[in-house]
Amino acid sequence: MKRPFAATVWREGNWYVSQCLEIDIASQGATEEEALENLREALELHFEPPQATRPPKLRTVEVEVGAA
């Protein structure tokens, strides 16, 4: 499924910076097109499902609740 995202691009020194306006993700490139392509790749990686290399270790945390 493809979904469009709004992005902005600006120049900082020798680099172009691209930023997604809906999700706090940014990237950069030597040209505007490269910055946008790098942003596209970063967004695709952001939405990939996580793949654990080993099962996560579950832990228990105790907290005091309702005591004044």
C-alpha atoms as a PDB file:
ATOM      1  CA  MET A   1       0.000   0.000   0.000  1.00  0.00           C
ATOM      2  CA  LYS A   2       1.367   3.411  -0.912  1.00  0.00           C
ATOM      3  CA  ARG A   3       0.576   6.568   1.019  1.00  0.00           C
ATOM      4  CA  PRO A   4       1.636  10.118   0.183  1.00  0.00           C
ATOM      5  CA  PHE A   5       3.463  12.234   2.772  1.00  0.00           C
ATOM      6  CA  ALA A   6       4.098  15.973   2.649  1.00  0.00           C
ATOM      7  CA  ALA A   7       7.767  16.921   2.698  1.00  0.00           C
ATOM      8  CA  THR A   8       9.825  20.071   2.645  1.00  0.00           C
ATOM      9  CA  VAL A   9      13.368  20.557   1.346  1.00  0.00           C
ATOM     10  CA  TRP A  10      15.821  23.342   2.177  1.00  0.00           C
ATOM     11  CA  ARG A  11      19.509  23.981   1.777  1.00  0.00           C
ATOM     12  CA  GLU A  12      21.942  23.972   4.702  1.00  0.00           C
ATOM     13  CA  GLY A  13      25.463  24.782   3.561  1.00  0.00           C
ATOM     14  CA  ASN A  14      26.460  22.216   0.924  1.00  0.00           C
ATOM     15  CA  TRP A  15      23.564  19.848   1.730  1.00  0.00           C
ATOM     16  CA  TYR A  16      19.854  19.709   1.027  1.00  0.00           C
ATOM     17  CA  VAL A  17      17.733  18.604   3.968  1.00  0.00           C
ATOM     18  CA  SER A  18      14.363  16.927   3.470  1.00  0.00           C
ATOM     19  CA  GLN A  19      11.816  16.505   6.251  1.00  0.00           C
ATOM     20  CA  CYS A  20       8.496  14.694   6.392  1.00  0.00           C
ATOM     21  CA  LEU A  21       5.869  17.037   7.835  1.00  0.00           C
ATOM     22  CA  GLU A  22       3.553  14.338   9.246  1.00  0.00           C
ATOM     23  CA  ILE A  23       6.220  12.140  10.870  1.00  0.00           C
ATOM     24  CA  ASP A  24       9.371  13.387  12.559  1.00  0.00           C
ATOM     25  CA  ILE A  25      11.788  11.921  10.006  1.00  0.00           C
ATOM     26  CA  ALA A  26      14.420  13.810   8.035  1.00  0.00           C
ATOM     27  CA  SER A  27      17.266  13.037   5.654  1.00  0.00           C
ATOM     28  CA  GLN A  28      19.789  14.848   3.482  1.00  0.00           C
ATOM     29  CA  GLY A  29      21.499  14.671   0.126  1.00  0.00           C
ATOM     30  CA  ALA A  30      23.808  16.535  -2.228  1.00  0.00           C
ATOM     31  CA  THR A  31      20.806  17.548  -4.410  1.00  0.00           C
ATOM     32  CA  GLU A  32      17.111  18.135  -3.720  1.00  0.00           C
ATOM     33  CA  GLU A  33      16.263  14.933  -5.580  1.00  0.00           C
ATOM     34  CA  GLU A  34      18.795  12.907  -3.572  1.00  0.00           C
ATOM     35  CA  ALA A  35      17.503  14.361  -0.307  1.00  0.00           C
ATOM     36  CA  LEU A  36      13.931  13.378  -1.244  1.00  0.00           C
ATOM     37  CA  GLU A  37      15.010   9.892  -2.336  1.00  0.00           C
ATOM     38  CA  ASN A  38      16.870   9.433   0.964  1.00  0.00           C
ATOM     39  CA  LEU A  39      13.766  10.619   2.840  1.00  0.00           C
ATOM     40  CA  ARG A  40      11.641   8.112   0.896  1.00  0.00           C
ATOM     41  CA  GLU A  41      14.037   5.325   1.925  1.00  0.00           C
ATOM     42  CA  ALA A  42      14.017   6.463   5.575  1.00  0.00           C
ATOM     43  CA  LEU A  43      10.201   6.448   5.603  1.00  0.00           C
ATOM     44  CA  GLU A  44      10.095   2.958   4.085  1.00  0.00           C
ATOM     45  CA  LEU A  45      12.498   1.712   6.770  1.00  0.00           C
ATOM     46  CA  HIS A  46      10.406   3.415   9.469  1.00  0.00           C
ATOM     47  CA  PHE A  47       7.312   1.467   8.413  1.00  0.00           C
ATOM     48  CA  GLU A  48       9.003  -1.930   8.031  1.00  0.00           C
ATOM     49  CA  PRO A  49       7.872  -4.375  10.710  1.00  0.00           C
ATOM     50  CA  PRO A  50      10.574  -5.036  13.315  1.00  0.00           C
ATOM     51  CA  GLN A  51      12.466  -8.289  12.995  1.00  0.00           C
ATOM     52  CA  ALA A  52      13.892  -9.529  16.253  1.00  0.00           C
ATOM     53  CA  THR A  53      17.096 -11.533  16.027  1.00  0.00           C
ATOM     54  CA  ARG A  54      16.337 -13.218  19.348  1.00  0.00           C
ATOM     55  CA  PRO A  55      13.273 -13.336  21.575  1.00  0.00           C
ATOM     56  CA  PRO A  56      12.985 -10.273  23.817  1.00  0.00           C
ATOM     57  CA  LYS A  57      13.677 -10.754  27.521  1.00  0.00           C
ATOM     58  CA  LEU A  58      10.581  -9.904  29.554  1.00  0.00           C
ATOM     59  CA  ARG A  59      11.080  -8.096  32.846  1.00  0.00           C
ATOM     60  CA  THR A  60       8.826  -7.019  35.688  1.00  0.00           C
ATOM     61  CA  VAL A  61       8.791  -3.522  37.153  1.00  0.00           C
ATOM     62  CA  GLU A  62       7.100  -2.749  40.487  1.00  0.00           C
ATOM     63  CA  VAL A  63       5.855   0.745  41.290  1.00  0.00           C
ATOM     64  CA  GLU A  64       4.023   2.250  44.255  1.00  0.00           C
ATOM     65  CA  VAL A  65       0.503   3.203  43.170  1.00  0.00           C
ATOM     66  CA  GLY A  66      -1.964   5.331  45.124  1.00  0.00           C
ATOM     67  CA  ALA A  67       0.243   5.906  48.178  1.00  0.00           C
ATOM     68  CA  ALA A  68       0.588   9.471  49.394  1.00  0.00           C
END
